[in-house]
Each structure stands twice: as structure tokens, then as C-alpha cells.
Protein backbone atom coordinates (compact mmCIF):
# COMPACT_ATOMS: atom_id res chain seq x y z
CA MET A 1 -0.03 -0.02 0.02
CA PRO A 2 1.40 3.49 -0.93
CA ALA A 3 2.38 5.71 1.99
CA GLN A 4 -0.12 8.32 3.06
CA PHE A 5 2.56 10.51 4.62
CA ILE A 6 6.29 11.07 3.98
CA GLU A 7 8.97 12.67 6.07
CA VAL A 8 11.20 15.26 4.61
CA PRO A 9 14.16 16.95 6.31
CA VAL A 10 14.32 20.63 6.92
CA ILE A 11 17.62 21.61 5.28
CA ALA A 12 17.66 25.36 5.86
CA ASP A 13 15.93 28.38 7.37
CA VAL A 14 15.07 31.80 6.02
CA VAL A 15 16.81 34.62 7.86
CA GLY A 16 15.65 38.09 7.43
CA GLY A 17 13.53 39.33 4.61
CA HIS A 18 9.75 39.48 4.88
CA THR A 19 7.71 39.47 8.06
CA GLY A 20 3.99 39.57 8.80
CA ARG A 21 2.64 37.18 6.13
CA LEU A 22 1.65 39.97 3.81
CA ASP A 23 0.12 39.14 0.39
CA ASP A 24 1.77 41.62 -1.89
CA PHE A 25 4.90 43.87 -2.38
CA LYS A 26 7.32 40.94 -2.34
CA GLY A 27 9.84 42.45 -4.74
CA GLY A 28 13.34 43.82 -4.00
CA VAL A 29 13.62 42.22 -0.54
CA GLU A 30 16.86 40.41 0.26
CA SER A 31 17.06 37.52 2.70
CA VAL A 32 19.42 34.62 3.58
CA ILE A 33 18.68 30.88 3.15
CA ARG A 34 20.92 29.38 5.84
CA LEU A 35 21.86 25.77 5.29
CA ARG A 36 21.59 23.76 8.59
CA PRO A 37 24.91 22.57 10.01
CA GLU A 38 24.19 18.81 9.44
CA PHE A 39 24.52 19.49 5.64
CA PRO A 40 28.11 19.72 4.51
CA VAL A 41 29.06 23.08 2.84
CA GLU A 42 30.20 21.09 -0.15
CA THR A 43 26.50 20.31 -0.90
CA LEU A 44 26.43 23.89 -2.24
CA GLN A 45 29.57 23.56 -4.43
CA GLY A 46 29.00 25.14 -7.80
CA ILE A 47 25.71 26.75 -6.95
CA GLU A 48 27.12 30.27 -7.18
CA GLN A 49 27.38 29.82 -10.98
CA PHE A 50 23.58 30.02 -11.21
CA SER A 51 21.37 33.05 -11.27
CA HIS A 52 18.27 31.62 -9.62
CA LEU A 53 17.29 28.86 -7.16
CA GLN A 54 14.19 26.74 -6.94
CA VAL A 55 13.26 26.70 -3.31
CA THR A 56 10.59 24.50 -1.73
CA TRP A 57 9.47 25.76 1.65
CA PHE A 58 7.09 24.74 4.36
CA PHE A 59 4.40 27.16 5.62
CA ASN A 60 5.59 26.43 9.30
CA LEU A 61 4.40 29.86 10.35
CA GLY A 62 0.81 28.80 9.67
CA SER A 63 -1.34 26.13 11.22
CA PRO A 64 -2.71 22.82 10.00
CA ASP A 65 -6.09 24.20 10.96
CA ASP A 66 -5.75 26.68 8.09
CA VAL A 67 -6.03 23.88 5.44
CA ALA A 68 -9.24 24.36 3.38
CA LEU A 69 -10.38 21.42 1.30
CA HIS A 70 -13.15 23.18 -0.66
CA ALA A 71 -13.60 25.56 -3.45
CA ARG A 72 -13.35 29.33 -2.46
CA SER A 73 -12.69 32.65 -3.95
CA PRO A 74 -8.99 33.73 -3.96
CA ARG A 75 -8.25 36.11 -1.17
CA ASP A 76 -12.02 35.81 -0.25
CA ASN A 77 -12.77 38.22 -3.09
CA PRO A 78 -16.13 37.31 -4.64
CA ALA A 79 -15.03 39.15 -7.85
CA TRP A 80 -12.84 36.11 -8.54
CA PRO A 81 -14.32 32.61 -9.20
CA ALA A 82 -14.33 29.95 -6.47
CA THR A 83 -11.56 27.51 -7.23
CA GLY A 84 -10.36 24.39 -5.63
CA THR A 85 -7.71 23.93 -3.02
CA PHE A 86 -5.01 22.84 -5.50
CA VAL A 87 -5.47 25.97 -7.60
CA HIS A 88 -4.41 28.27 -4.78
CA HIS A 89 -0.79 29.21 -3.96
CA ASN A 90 -1.06 29.60 -0.25
CA HIS A 91 -0.87 27.82 3.13
CA ARG A 92 -4.36 26.25 2.90
CA ARG A 93 -3.19 23.16 0.87
CA PRO A 94 -2.76 19.81 2.73
CA ALA A 95 1.03 19.61 2.43
CA ARG A 96 1.47 23.41 3.21
CA LEU A 97 4.40 23.61 0.76
CA ALA A 98 5.30 26.39 -1.66
CA THR A 99 8.01 26.81 -4.34
CA SER A 100 9.80 30.02 -5.15
CA PHE A 101 12.42 31.04 -7.64
CA PRO A 102 14.61 33.75 -5.93
CA ARG A 103 17.64 35.35 -7.47
CA LEU A 104 20.94 34.09 -6.05
CA LEU A 105 23.00 37.18 -5.12
CA LYS A 106 26.08 35.52 -3.38
CA VAL A 107 27.15 32.54 -1.41
CA ASP A 108 28.95 32.90 1.90
CA GLY A 109 29.63 29.52 3.54
CA ARG A 110 26.21 28.09 4.40
CA ASP A 111 24.38 31.31 3.65
CA LEU A 112 22.78 31.84 0.34
CA HIS A 113 21.96 35.47 -0.12
CA VAL A 114 18.83 35.81 -2.30
CA ALA A 115 16.38 38.46 -3.54
CA ASP A 116 12.74 38.02 -4.25
CA LEU A 117 12.20 35.05 -2.01
CA ASP A 118 8.55 35.41 -0.90
CA ALA A 119 8.87 33.43 2.28
CA ASP A 120 8.93 35.05 5.70
CA ASP A 121 11.76 35.23 8.18
CA GLY A 122 11.85 31.97 10.09
CA THR A 123 10.38 29.88 7.29
CA GLN A 124 11.70 26.30 6.98
CA ILE A 125 13.24 25.19 3.73
CA VAL A 126 12.77 21.56 2.67
CA ASP A 127 14.59 21.63 -0.69
CA LEU A 128 16.57 23.85 -2.91
CA VAL A 129 18.18 23.38 -6.32
CA ALA A 130 19.78 25.51 -8.96
CA VAL A 131 17.33 26.57 -11.74
CA PHE A 132 18.18 24.90 -15.06
CA GLN A 133 16.38 26.79 -17.89
CA GLU A 134 15.75 23.40 -19.55
CA MET A 135 13.67 22.32 -16.54
CA LEU A 136 11.28 25.29 -16.68
CA PRO A 137 7.76 24.73 -18.19
CA ARG A 138 7.74 23.88 -21.88
CA GLY A 139 5.34 25.58 -24.28
CA PRO A 140 3.07 28.56 -23.47
CA VAL A 141 1.79 28.96 -19.94
CA THR A 142 -1.89 29.79 -19.89
CA GLN A 143 -4.24 30.90 -17.08
CA PRO A 144 -7.52 32.79 -16.66
CA THR A 145 -7.40 36.50 -16.05
CA TRP A 146 -7.97 36.63 -12.29
CA PRO A 147 -4.41 35.51 -11.21
CA GLY A 148 -2.98 38.50 -13.10
CA GLU A 149 -5.52 40.80 -11.41
CA MET A 150 -4.93 39.28 -7.92
CA LEU A 151 -1.07 39.33 -8.22
CA ALA A 152 -0.71 42.74 -9.96
CA ASP A 153 1.21 44.04 -6.97
CA TYR A 154 2.78 40.79 -5.81
CA TRP A 155 6.30 41.54 -7.08
CA ARG A 156 6.04 45.32 -6.63
CA ASP A 157 9.06 46.57 -4.68
CA ALA A 158 8.47 46.25 -0.97
CA SER A 159 9.59 49.77 -0.38
CA GLU A 160 6.42 50.96 -2.17
CA ARG A 161 4.18 49.36 0.48
């Protein structure tokens, strides 16, 4: 029988950057992804040659009670259609995981200095990998209009908040 649950290690933590679990103005903020000491520094060897990282993080600052297994309007805005749990990019999904693609600014030992990571200070990282252009989505990416409306200010510079 397939497993219903899996265990994944927390490999790093977000230091600095965003606080307050805000929805928008995520751009221009710098933070550090600090690799935990049980992972050798050599696991990062060569990563400085890449411009971006793919970071999978856990919504540990939320609660399992926040999970919502039903269709609902994004950000509770009735102007946008009710969509299912697996359409939303937030902490209300069962695994409470997110993926971000921050720019890698520099590497200093176990510290990966990044910009445009939309995880808050104290967030737990469960995986990271260098972005290979060849592994990005193939073909045109399509979506309805509401995500563009909802996220119009998502990557606006945080200093404009």
C-alpha cells in the first residue's frame, strides 16, 4: 500500500526578509537561506554559478487548522471565481508547501543571499536546487485573467508598500 505521509528533512531556514505574512509587495527584498549545520558546505559547491534557485519551503508559520479542502474565492474576493484547494498558491493546501524562484546574489559559507524570496523570516526550507532553464515549463503557460489581477502588486518593490 502506498504511503499516506512522507517525512522530509528541513535543510535550511530563511533569515531576514519578509515578516508579517503579507500578500503583496514581495519584490526587492533580500534575505538569507541558511543551510543547517548537518549538511556539509560542499553540498552547495558550484551553486554560485547560477542566477536563480528553486526553493521548496514549508508554511511552518501557519497552522494545519488553516487547510481548506473546498472551492473558495481567492483572497475571499467574490469578484474572482471559487476555485479548488489545488489551484491556490497559499498555506491552505494539505502539504502546506510552496515553491519560489529567488535570484541568487552570493554564497557565503552556508548562507545563500537571495532576492525576491517570498517566504517570511523563520520559514523552513525543505529543498533547494539551482534553476536549469531546460527544466522550466515547456510551451506557452496559460491561465484565466484573475491570477494576473490578484497578483498585480505581488512583485512590486516592498519599499512601495
